[in-house]
């Protein structure tokens, strides 16, 4: 069942939901979780997600040697089939809102809708200045209130879902997880 309220119709309770989500995400400083990724075409991958806020994350896949890593400045995408990486400044990606130090779900980020889907509270986010650039939908459990999954819809309308399982929080994570290491070279390279 899908129920959503657009921002003009938000009640005080919905405003409280935004504040609760902000507080939860700000408090999520380090985390490790198993994830399942479902692509728009039905492809399914799994792996491990690492988060070290502000600025750093990593996705390692089980089925392929691809990975995604953010080092605090850039986010790198390694494609094992092509044996190459691409990168972009974090601020130019949809991951920026989660990785920024001063995490707010207002200003340059806009909560476009709040609702319920599959028993989870949802918040749909867009970039205020460029709503056509894509959107992120966050899914939270009610009790305890915690992030369970998110969906990223790109500018072309293609959606990828990341579902989190077995999340551990407040961990000490190794620094090498958050540097780009080319699998052939085994050497950390930052900001290339």
N, C-alpha and C. Protein backbone atom coordinates (compact mmCIF):
# COMPACT_ATOMS: atom_id res chain seq x y z
N UNK A 1 0.83 -1.18 0.00
CA UNK A 1 0.00 0.00 0.00
C UNK A 1 0.88 1.24 0.00
N UNK A 2 0.57 2.20 -0.82
CA UNK A 2 1.33 3.43 -0.95
C UNK A 2 0.45 4.59 -0.53
N UNK A 3 0.92 5.37 0.42
CA UNK A 3 0.22 6.57 0.87
C UNK A 3 1.27 7.67 0.95
N UNK A 4 1.06 8.77 0.29
CA UNK A 4 2.05 9.85 0.31
C UNK A 4 1.37 11.20 0.45
N UNK A 5 2.03 12.09 1.15
CA UNK A 5 1.59 13.47 1.29
C UNK A 5 2.63 14.35 0.62
N UNK A 6 2.21 15.27 -0.22
CA UNK A 6 3.15 16.22 -0.79
C UNK A 6 3.38 17.33 0.21
N UNK A 7 4.48 18.05 0.07
CA UNK A 7 4.87 19.03 1.07
C UNK A 7 3.80 20.07 1.39
N UNK A 8 3.07 20.63 0.44
CA UNK A 8 2.06 21.61 0.84
C UNK A 8 1.02 21.04 1.81
N UNK A 9 0.81 19.74 1.77
CA UNK A 9 -0.20 19.13 2.63
C UNK A 9 0.41 18.59 3.93
N UNK A 10 1.69 18.85 4.18
CA UNK A 10 2.33 18.29 5.37
C UNK A 10 1.72 18.84 6.65
N UNK A 11 1.54 17.96 7.60
CA UNK A 11 1.04 18.33 8.90
C UNK A 11 2.21 18.49 9.86
N UNK A 12 1.94 18.89 11.07
CA UNK A 12 2.99 18.99 12.09
C UNK A 12 3.63 17.63 12.31
N UNK A 13 2.83 16.56 12.27
CA UNK A 13 3.37 15.21 12.46
C UNK A 13 4.37 14.88 11.35
N UNK A 14 4.06 15.28 10.12
CA UNK A 14 4.98 15.02 9.02
C UNK A 14 6.25 15.83 9.19
N UNK A 15 6.13 17.08 9.67
CA UNK A 15 7.32 17.89 9.96
C UNK A 15 8.17 17.23 11.02
N UNK A 16 7.52 16.61 11.99
CA UNK A 16 8.25 15.86 13.02
C UNK A 16 8.98 14.67 12.41
N UNK A 17 8.37 14.04 11.40
CA UNK A 17 9.02 12.92 10.72
C UNK A 17 10.31 13.36 10.03
N UNK A 18 10.28 14.54 9.40
CA UNK A 18 11.47 15.07 8.74
C UNK A 18 12.57 15.31 9.78
N UNK A 19 12.19 15.92 10.89
CA UNK A 19 13.17 16.18 11.95
C UNK A 19 13.74 14.88 12.51
N UNK A 20 12.89 13.90 12.69
CA UNK A 20 13.33 12.60 13.21
C UNK A 20 14.32 11.94 12.23
N UNK A 21 14.03 12.02 10.93
CA UNK A 21 14.92 11.46 9.92
C UNK A 21 16.26 12.19 9.91
N UNK A 22 16.24 13.53 10.00
CA UNK A 22 17.48 14.30 10.06
C UNK A 22 18.33 13.89 11.25
N UNK A 23 17.70 13.80 12.42
CA UNK A 23 18.43 13.43 13.63
C UNK A 23 19.02 12.03 13.51
N UNK A 24 18.25 11.11 12.96
CA UNK A 24 18.74 9.75 12.79
C UNK A 24 19.95 9.74 11.85
N UNK A 25 19.84 10.39 10.70
CA UNK A 25 20.91 10.38 9.71
C UNK A 25 22.16 11.10 10.22
N UNK A 26 21.99 12.20 10.95
CA UNK A 26 23.14 12.88 11.54
C UNK A 26 23.85 11.98 12.56
N UNK A 27 23.08 11.21 13.28
CA UNK A 27 23.65 10.32 14.30
C UNK A 27 24.28 9.06 13.71
N UNK A 28 24.05 8.80 12.44
CA UNK A 28 24.60 7.63 11.78
C UNK A 28 26.01 7.98 11.29
N UNK A 29 26.96 7.96 12.20
CA UNK A 29 28.32 8.40 11.86
C UNK A 29 29.11 7.28 11.19
N UNK A 30 29.12 6.10 11.77
CA UNK A 30 29.76 4.96 11.12
C UNK A 30 28.79 3.79 11.11
N UNK A 31 28.84 3.03 10.02
CA UNK A 31 27.94 1.87 9.90
C UNK A 31 28.52 0.88 8.91
N UNK A 32 28.11 -0.35 9.08
CA UNK A 32 28.44 -1.43 8.16
C UNK A 32 27.17 -2.26 8.02
N UNK A 33 26.82 -2.64 6.79
CA UNK A 33 25.61 -3.43 6.58
C UNK A 33 25.77 -4.29 5.33
N UNK A 34 25.07 -5.40 5.31
CA UNK A 34 24.92 -6.16 4.08
C UNK A 34 23.88 -5.41 3.24
N UNK A 35 24.01 -5.49 1.92
CA UNK A 35 23.02 -4.84 1.09
C UNK A 35 22.63 -5.73 -0.09
N UNK A 36 21.41 -5.47 -0.58
CA UNK A 36 20.93 -6.07 -1.82
C UNK A 36 20.57 -4.91 -2.73
N UNK A 37 21.15 -4.92 -3.92
CA UNK A 37 20.88 -3.87 -4.90
C UNK A 37 20.02 -4.44 -6.01
N UNK A 38 18.91 -3.76 -6.28
CA UNK A 38 18.02 -4.15 -7.36
C UNK A 38 17.99 -3.03 -8.39
N UNK A 39 18.38 -3.34 -9.62
CA UNK A 39 18.42 -2.34 -10.67
C UNK A 39 17.08 -2.25 -11.38
N UNK A 40 16.92 -1.20 -12.17
CA UNK A 40 15.68 -0.97 -12.92
C UNK A 40 15.35 -2.11 -13.88
N UNK A 41 16.37 -2.84 -14.33
CA UNK A 41 16.17 -3.92 -15.29
C UNK A 41 16.00 -5.29 -14.62
N UNK A 42 15.89 -5.31 -13.29
CA UNK A 42 15.69 -6.56 -12.57
C UNK A 42 16.98 -7.21 -12.09
N UNK A 43 18.14 -6.69 -12.51
CA UNK A 43 19.41 -7.25 -12.06
C UNK A 43 19.54 -7.09 -10.55
N UNK A 44 20.12 -8.11 -9.92
CA UNK A 44 20.24 -8.11 -8.46
C UNK A 44 21.69 -8.41 -8.08
N UNK A 45 22.27 -7.59 -7.23
CA UNK A 45 23.61 -7.80 -6.70
C UNK A 45 23.55 -7.64 -5.19
N UNK A 46 24.55 -8.18 -4.51
CA UNK A 46 24.63 -8.04 -3.07
C UNK A 46 26.05 -7.67 -2.68
N UNK A 47 26.23 -7.28 -1.43
CA UNK A 47 27.56 -6.94 -0.98
C UNK A 47 27.55 -6.32 0.40
N UNK A 48 28.59 -5.53 0.68
CA UNK A 48 28.75 -4.88 1.97
C UNK A 48 28.85 -3.37 1.77
N UNK A 49 28.13 -2.64 2.60
CA UNK A 49 28.11 -1.18 2.59
C UNK A 49 28.81 -0.68 3.84
N UNK A 50 29.69 0.31 3.67
CA UNK A 50 30.38 0.95 4.79
C UNK A 50 30.09 2.45 4.72
N UNK A 51 29.91 3.07 5.88
CA UNK A 51 29.66 4.50 5.96
C UNK A 51 30.52 5.08 7.07
N UNK A 52 31.18 6.19 6.78
CA UNK A 52 31.95 6.93 7.78
C UNK A 52 31.71 8.41 7.51
N UNK A 53 30.65 8.94 8.15
CA UNK A 53 30.26 10.33 7.94
C UNK A 53 31.11 11.25 8.77
N UNK A 54 31.42 12.45 8.26
CA UNK A 54 30.99 12.95 6.96
C UNK A 54 31.95 12.51 5.84
N UNK A 55 31.41 12.39 4.65
CA UNK A 55 32.21 12.31 3.44
C UNK A 55 32.59 10.96 2.89
N UNK A 56 32.47 9.88 3.67
CA UNK A 56 33.05 8.64 3.17
C UNK A 56 32.04 7.48 3.19
N UNK A 57 32.07 6.71 2.11
CA UNK A 57 31.28 5.48 2.02
C UNK A 57 31.96 4.51 1.08
N UNK A 58 31.52 3.27 1.12
CA UNK A 58 32.04 2.23 0.22
C UNK A 58 30.96 1.17 0.02
N UNK A 59 30.82 0.73 -1.25
CA UNK A 59 30.01 -0.42 -1.61
C UNK A 59 30.95 -1.45 -2.22
N UNK A 60 31.01 -2.64 -1.64
CA UNK A 60 31.76 -3.77 -2.22
C UNK A 60 30.75 -4.83 -2.61
N UNK A 61 30.88 -5.33 -3.84
CA UNK A 61 29.92 -6.29 -4.36
C UNK A 61 30.45 -7.71 -4.23
N UNK A 62 29.55 -8.67 -4.01
CA UNK A 62 29.92 -10.08 -3.91
C UNK A 62 30.07 -10.74 -5.27
N UNK A 63 29.20 -10.41 -6.21
CA UNK A 63 29.13 -11.13 -7.48
C UNK A 63 30.10 -10.60 -8.54
N UNK A 64 30.55 -9.36 -8.39
CA UNK A 64 31.47 -8.74 -9.36
C UNK A 64 32.56 -8.01 -8.57
N UNK A 65 33.62 -7.64 -9.24
CA UNK A 65 34.72 -6.92 -8.59
C UNK A 65 34.53 -5.41 -8.64
N UNK A 66 33.35 -4.95 -9.03
CA UNK A 66 33.06 -3.52 -9.05
C UNK A 66 33.01 -3.01 -7.60
N UNK A 67 33.24 -1.72 -7.43
CA UNK A 67 33.03 -1.08 -6.14
C UNK A 67 32.82 0.40 -6.34
N UNK A 68 32.24 1.02 -5.31
CA UNK A 68 32.03 2.46 -5.27
C UNK A 68 32.65 2.93 -3.97
N UNK A 69 33.42 4.01 -4.03
CA UNK A 69 34.04 4.54 -2.82
C UNK A 69 34.04 6.06 -2.86
N UNK A 70 33.71 6.67 -1.73
CA UNK A 70 33.80 8.12 -1.57
C UNK A 70 34.84 8.39 -0.50
N UNK A 71 35.81 9.27 -0.84
CA UNK A 71 36.94 9.51 0.06
C UNK A 71 36.85 10.83 0.83
N UNK A 72 35.73 11.49 0.74
CA UNK A 72 35.57 12.78 1.40
C UNK A 72 35.53 13.93 0.43
N UNK A 73 36.04 13.72 -0.78
CA UNK A 73 36.06 14.75 -1.81
C UNK A 73 35.41 14.27 -3.11
N UNK A 74 35.78 13.07 -3.52
CA UNK A 74 35.30 12.49 -4.77
C UNK A 74 34.62 11.16 -4.49
N UNK A 75 33.74 10.77 -5.40
CA UNK A 75 33.17 9.44 -5.37
C UNK A 75 33.66 8.73 -6.63
N UNK A 76 34.18 7.51 -6.44
CA UNK A 76 34.79 6.73 -7.51
C UNK A 76 33.91 5.52 -7.80
N UNK A 77 33.78 5.20 -9.07
CA UNK A 77 33.04 4.04 -9.52
C UNK A 77 34.02 3.16 -10.30
N UNK A 78 34.31 1.96 -9.80
CA UNK A 78 35.22 1.06 -10.51
C UNK A 78 34.40 0.00 -11.24
N UNK A 79 34.59 -0.10 -12.55
CA UNK A 79 33.94 -1.09 -13.39
C UNK A 79 34.96 -2.16 -13.72
N UNK A 80 34.77 -3.34 -13.14
CA UNK A 80 35.75 -4.42 -13.32
C UNK A 80 35.73 -4.98 -14.74
N UNK A 81 34.58 -4.94 -15.40
CA UNK A 81 34.51 -5.45 -16.76
C UNK A 81 35.36 -4.60 -17.71
N UNK A 82 35.33 -3.28 -17.52
CA UNK A 82 36.14 -2.37 -18.34
C UNK A 82 37.52 -2.12 -17.73
N UNK A 83 37.71 -2.55 -16.47
CA UNK A 83 38.95 -2.36 -15.72
C UNK A 83 39.33 -0.87 -15.66
N UNK A 84 38.30 -0.03 -15.37
CA UNK A 84 38.57 1.40 -15.26
C UNK A 84 37.65 2.03 -14.24
N UNK A 85 38.08 3.21 -13.78
CA UNK A 85 37.28 3.96 -12.83
C UNK A 85 36.88 5.30 -13.42
N UNK A 86 35.72 5.77 -12.95
CA UNK A 86 35.28 7.13 -13.22
C UNK A 86 35.05 7.79 -11.87
N UNK A 87 35.05 9.10 -11.84
CA UNK A 87 34.81 9.76 -10.57
C UNK A 87 34.11 11.09 -10.79
N UNK A 88 33.59 11.62 -9.70
CA UNK A 88 32.92 12.91 -9.71
C UNK A 88 33.05 13.51 -8.32
N UNK A 89 33.07 14.84 -8.21
CA UNK A 89 33.02 15.44 -6.87
C UNK A 89 31.74 14.99 -6.16
N UNK A 90 31.85 14.69 -4.89
CA UNK A 90 30.70 14.20 -4.13
C UNK A 90 29.51 15.15 -4.25
N UNK A 91 29.79 16.46 -4.25
CA UNK A 91 28.73 17.45 -4.32
C UNK A 91 27.92 17.41 -5.60
N UNK A 92 28.41 16.71 -6.62
CA UNK A 92 27.69 16.59 -7.88
C UNK A 92 26.92 15.28 -7.97
N UNK A 93 26.82 14.54 -6.88
CA UNK A 93 26.13 13.26 -6.88
C UNK A 93 24.96 13.28 -5.91
N UNK A 94 24.06 12.33 -6.06
CA UNK A 94 22.92 12.22 -5.16
C UNK A 94 23.33 11.73 -3.77
N UNK A 95 24.56 11.22 -3.62
CA UNK A 95 25.06 10.77 -2.31
C UNK A 95 25.42 11.96 -1.42
N UNK A 96 25.53 13.14 -2.00
CA UNK A 96 26.01 14.31 -1.26
C UNK A 96 25.20 14.59 0.00
N UNK A 97 23.87 14.52 -0.08
CA UNK A 97 23.06 14.89 1.08
C UNK A 97 23.37 14.01 2.28
N UNK A 98 23.67 12.74 2.07
CA UNK A 98 23.96 11.81 3.17
C UNK A 98 25.36 12.01 3.72
N UNK A 99 26.29 12.41 2.88
CA UNK A 99 27.69 12.47 3.27
C UNK A 99 28.12 13.82 3.83
N UNK A 100 27.30 14.84 3.69
CA UNK A 100 27.72 16.17 4.16
C UNK A 100 27.73 16.23 5.68
N UNK A 101 28.62 17.07 6.18
CA UNK A 101 28.77 17.21 7.64
C UNK A 101 27.52 17.81 8.26
N UNK A 102 27.01 18.86 7.65
CA UNK A 102 25.82 19.54 8.17
C UNK A 102 24.59 19.00 7.45
N UNK A 103 24.21 17.79 7.78
CA UNK A 103 23.12 17.12 7.09
C UNK A 103 21.78 17.77 7.46
N UNK A 104 21.11 18.30 6.44
CA UNK A 104 19.78 18.89 6.61
C UNK A 104 18.92 18.44 5.44
N UNK A 105 17.67 18.20 5.71
CA UNK A 105 16.72 17.83 4.67
C UNK A 105 15.90 19.06 4.28
N UNK A 106 16.62 20.18 4.12
CA UNK A 106 16.01 21.44 3.70
C UNK A 106 17.11 22.26 3.03
N UNK A 107 16.73 23.41 2.49
CA UNK A 107 17.71 24.25 1.79
C UNK A 107 17.88 23.77 0.37
N UNK A 108 19.08 23.26 0.05
CA UNK A 108 19.32 22.78 -1.31
C UNK A 108 18.74 21.39 -1.54
N UNK A 109 18.25 20.75 -0.47
CA UNK A 109 17.52 19.48 -0.55
C UNK A 109 16.09 19.76 -0.12
N UNK A 110 15.13 19.19 -0.82
CA UNK A 110 13.73 19.42 -0.51
C UNK A 110 13.03 18.09 -0.29
N UNK A 111 12.29 17.96 0.80
CA UNK A 111 11.47 16.78 1.02
C UNK A 111 10.19 17.01 0.22
N UNK A 112 10.07 16.27 -0.87
CA UNK A 112 8.94 16.47 -1.77
C UNK A 112 7.69 15.73 -1.32
N UNK A 113 7.88 14.57 -0.68
CA UNK A 113 6.72 13.78 -0.24
C UNK A 113 7.11 12.92 0.96
N UNK A 114 6.11 12.68 1.81
CA UNK A 114 6.26 11.78 2.95
C UNK A 114 5.10 10.81 2.89
N UNK A 115 5.37 9.55 3.16
CA UNK A 115 4.29 8.57 3.11
C UNK A 115 4.66 7.26 3.75
N UNK A 116 3.90 6.23 3.40
CA UNK A 116 4.15 4.86 3.86
C UNK A 116 4.12 3.94 2.66
N UNK A 117 5.02 3.00 2.65
CA UNK A 117 5.06 2.02 1.59
C UNK A 117 5.59 0.72 2.19
N UNK A 118 4.87 -0.36 2.00
CA UNK A 118 5.27 -1.67 2.53
C UNK A 118 5.56 -1.61 4.03
N UNK A 119 4.77 -0.83 4.77
CA UNK A 119 4.93 -0.75 6.22
C UNK A 119 6.08 0.13 6.68
N UNK A 120 6.73 0.84 5.77
CA UNK A 120 7.86 1.70 6.11
C UNK A 120 7.53 3.16 5.83
N UNK A 121 8.01 4.04 6.69
CA UNK A 121 7.88 5.49 6.49
C UNK A 121 8.80 5.88 5.34
N UNK A 122 8.31 6.70 4.40
CA UNK A 122 9.11 7.12 3.26
C UNK A 122 9.25 8.64 3.23
N UNK A 123 10.42 9.10 2.84
CA UNK A 123 10.68 10.50 2.58
C UNK A 123 11.32 10.57 1.21
N UNK A 124 10.73 11.37 0.32
CA UNK A 124 11.25 11.50 -1.04
C UNK A 124 11.95 12.85 -1.16
N UNK A 125 13.23 12.82 -1.55
CA UNK A 125 14.08 14.00 -1.60
C UNK A 125 14.44 14.37 -3.03
N UNK A 126 14.50 15.67 -3.29
CA UNK A 126 14.98 16.17 -4.58
C UNK A 126 15.93 17.33 -4.30
N UNK A 127 16.74 17.67 -5.32
CA UNK A 127 17.58 18.87 -5.23
C UNK A 127 16.69 20.07 -5.52
N UNK A 128 16.68 21.04 -4.63
CA UNK A 128 15.80 22.19 -4.76
C UNK A 128 16.03 22.93 -6.08
N UNK A 129 17.29 23.16 -6.45
CA UNK A 129 17.61 23.93 -7.65
C UNK A 129 17.49 23.15 -8.95
N UNK A 130 17.50 21.81 -8.86
CA UNK A 130 17.46 20.99 -10.07
C UNK A 130 16.64 19.72 -9.82
N UNK A 131 15.31 19.86 -9.66
CA UNK A 131 14.48 18.70 -9.34
C UNK A 131 14.51 17.60 -10.40
N UNK A 132 14.86 17.94 -11.63
CA UNK A 132 14.90 16.95 -12.71
C UNK A 132 16.17 16.11 -12.68
N UNK A 133 17.13 16.46 -11.80
CA UNK A 133 18.41 15.73 -11.75
C UNK A 133 18.26 14.33 -11.18
N UNK A 134 17.16 14.07 -10.50
CA UNK A 134 16.95 12.76 -9.89
C UNK A 134 16.34 12.93 -8.52
N UNK A 135 16.07 11.81 -7.88
CA UNK A 135 15.46 11.84 -6.55
C UNK A 135 15.92 10.64 -5.74
N UNK A 136 15.83 10.79 -4.44
CA UNK A 136 16.16 9.72 -3.51
C UNK A 136 14.96 9.51 -2.60
N UNK A 137 14.52 8.27 -2.46
CA UNK A 137 13.44 7.94 -1.54
C UNK A 137 14.03 7.10 -0.42
N UNK A 138 13.91 7.59 0.82
CA UNK A 138 14.41 6.89 1.99
C UNK A 138 13.27 6.12 2.65
N UNK A 139 13.55 4.92 3.14
CA UNK A 139 12.57 4.06 3.80
C UNK A 139 13.05 3.77 5.22
N UNK A 140 12.22 4.10 6.21
CA UNK A 140 12.57 3.91 7.62
C UNK A 140 11.56 2.97 8.29
N UNK A 141 12.08 2.09 9.16
CA UNK A 141 11.18 1.31 10.01
C UNK A 141 10.67 2.23 11.12
N UNK A 142 9.52 1.85 11.71
CA UNK A 142 8.90 2.70 12.73
C UNK A 142 9.57 2.51 14.09
N UNK A 143 9.69 1.24 14.55
CA UNK A 143 10.26 0.94 15.86
C UNK A 143 11.21 -0.23 15.72
N UNK A 144 12.51 -0.04 15.91
CA UNK A 144 13.13 1.26 16.11
C UNK A 144 13.17 2.03 14.79
N UNK A 145 13.23 3.34 14.89
CA UNK A 145 13.30 4.19 13.70
C UNK A 145 14.71 4.05 13.12
N UNK A 146 14.81 3.37 11.98
CA UNK A 146 16.12 3.25 11.34
C UNK A 146 15.97 3.04 9.84
N UNK A 147 17.01 3.44 9.12
CA UNK A 147 17.04 3.35 7.68
C UNK A 147 17.09 1.89 7.25
N UNK A 148 16.15 1.48 6.39
CA UNK A 148 16.09 0.11 5.92
C UNK A 148 16.47 -0.02 4.45
N UNK A 149 16.17 1.01 3.66
CA UNK A 149 16.55 0.98 2.25
C UNK A 149 16.37 2.37 1.66
N UNK A 150 16.87 2.52 0.44
CA UNK A 150 16.63 3.73 -0.33
C UNK A 150 16.54 3.39 -1.79
N UNK A 151 15.88 4.26 -2.52
CA UNK A 151 15.76 4.15 -3.97
C UNK A 151 16.29 5.44 -4.59
N UNK A 152 17.17 5.29 -5.58
CA UNK A 152 17.70 6.43 -6.31
C UNK A 152 17.11 6.37 -7.72
N UNK A 153 16.46 7.44 -8.11
CA UNK A 153 15.93 7.56 -9.47
C UNK A 153 16.74 8.64 -10.17
N UNK A 154 17.42 8.26 -11.26
CA UNK A 154 18.29 9.22 -11.95
C UNK A 154 17.48 10.12 -12.88
N UNK A 155 18.17 11.02 -13.57
CA UNK A 155 17.51 11.99 -14.44
C UNK A 155 16.76 11.33 -15.58
N UNK A 156 17.16 10.11 -15.95
CA UNK A 156 16.48 9.39 -17.03
C UNK A 156 15.27 8.61 -16.52
N UNK A 157 15.02 8.65 -15.21
CA UNK A 157 13.87 7.95 -14.64
C UNK A 157 14.14 6.51 -14.27
N UNK A 158 15.41 6.08 -14.29
CA UNK A 158 15.76 4.70 -13.94
C UNK A 158 16.02 4.60 -12.44
N UNK A 159 15.40 3.61 -11.79
CA UNK A 159 15.48 3.49 -10.34
C UNK A 159 16.33 2.29 -9.94
N UNK A 160 17.21 2.54 -8.96
CA UNK A 160 18.01 1.49 -8.33
C UNK A 160 17.68 1.51 -6.85
N UNK A 161 17.46 0.32 -6.28
CA UNK A 161 17.12 0.21 -4.86
C UNK A 161 18.25 -0.47 -4.11
N UNK A 162 18.58 0.06 -2.94
CA UNK A 162 19.55 -0.54 -2.03
C UNK A 162 18.82 -0.87 -0.74
N UNK A 163 18.75 -2.16 -0.42
CA UNK A 163 18.13 -2.61 0.83
C UNK A 163 19.23 -3.01 1.80
N UNK A 164 19.17 -2.50 3.03
CA UNK A 164 20.18 -2.77 4.05
C UNK A 164 19.71 -3.87 4.99
N UNK A 165 20.65 -4.73 5.38
CA UNK A 165 20.36 -5.80 6.35
C UNK A 165 21.52 -5.91 7.32
N UNK A 166 21.23 -6.33 8.53
CA UNK A 166 22.25 -6.60 9.54
C UNK A 166 23.15 -5.39 9.80
N UNK A 167 22.54 -4.21 9.92
CA UNK A 167 23.35 -3.01 10.12
C UNK A 167 23.98 -2.98 11.51
N UNK A 168 25.27 -2.66 11.52
CA UNK A 168 26.00 -2.41 12.76
C UNK A 168 26.40 -0.94 12.74
N UNK A 169 26.26 -0.24 13.88
CA UNK A 169 26.57 1.18 13.94
C UNK A 169 27.67 1.44 14.95
N UNK A 170 28.25 2.63 14.85
CA UNK A 170 29.28 3.11 15.79
C UNK A 170 30.48 2.17 15.85
N UNK A 171 30.99 1.83 14.67
CA UNK A 171 32.14 0.94 14.54
C UNK A 171 33.40 1.74 14.26
N UNK A 172 34.54 1.14 14.51
CA UNK A 172 35.82 1.69 14.06
C UNK A 172 36.09 1.05 12.71
N UNK A 173 36.12 1.86 11.65
CA UNK A 173 36.33 1.36 10.29
C UNK A 173 37.72 1.76 9.81
N UNK A 174 38.39 0.86 9.12
CA UNK A 174 39.75 1.11 8.63
C UNK A 174 39.76 2.19 7.55
N UNK A 175 40.73 3.08 7.60
CA UNK A 175 40.85 4.17 6.63
C UNK A 175 40.99 3.67 5.20
N UNK A 176 41.66 2.53 5.00
CA UNK A 176 41.90 2.06 3.63
C UNK A 176 40.60 1.74 2.89
N UNK A 177 39.51 1.52 3.61
CA UNK A 177 38.23 1.26 2.96
C UNK A 177 37.76 2.44 2.13
N UNK A 178 38.23 3.63 2.45
CA UNK A 178 37.68 4.84 1.85
C UNK A 178 38.65 5.56 0.90
N UNK A 179 39.64 4.84 0.42
CA UNK A 179 40.52 5.36 -0.62
C UNK A 179 40.33 4.51 -1.86
N UNK A 180 40.51 5.12 -3.03
CA UNK A 180 40.41 4.34 -4.25
C UNK A 180 41.67 3.49 -4.39
N UNK A 181 41.50 2.18 -4.43
CA UNK A 181 42.60 1.24 -4.65
C UNK A 181 42.27 0.46 -5.91
N UNK A 182 43.06 0.66 -6.95
CA UNK A 182 42.85 -0.10 -8.19
C UNK A 182 43.20 -1.55 -7.90
N UNK A 183 42.32 -2.49 -8.22
CA UNK A 183 42.57 -3.90 -7.89
C UNK A 183 43.87 -4.45 -8.48
N UNK A 184 44.32 -3.95 -9.62
CA UNK A 184 45.57 -4.43 -10.21
C UNK A 184 46.80 -3.84 -9.54
N UNK A 185 46.66 -2.67 -8.95
CA UNK A 185 47.83 -1.95 -8.44
C UNK A 185 47.97 -2.06 -6.93
N UNK A 186 46.87 -2.31 -6.24
CA UNK A 186 46.86 -2.43 -4.78
C UNK A 186 47.47 -1.22 -4.08
N UNK A 187 47.36 -0.06 -4.69
CA UNK A 187 47.89 1.16 -4.12
C UNK A 187 46.76 2.17 -3.97
N UNK A 188 46.67 2.81 -2.81
CA UNK A 188 45.63 3.79 -2.58
C UNK A 188 45.94 5.05 -3.37
N UNK A 189 44.92 5.55 -4.08
CA UNK A 189 45.05 6.82 -4.80
C UNK A 189 43.88 7.69 -4.38
N UNK A 190 44.18 8.87 -3.94
CA UNK A 190 43.13 9.81 -3.52
C UNK A 190 42.96 10.91 -4.55
N UNK A 191 41.73 11.31 -4.78
CA UNK A 191 41.39 12.49 -5.57
C UNK A 191 42.00 12.50 -6.97
N UNK A 192 41.89 11.42 -7.69
CA UNK A 192 42.38 11.40 -9.06
C UNK A 192 41.32 11.86 -10.01
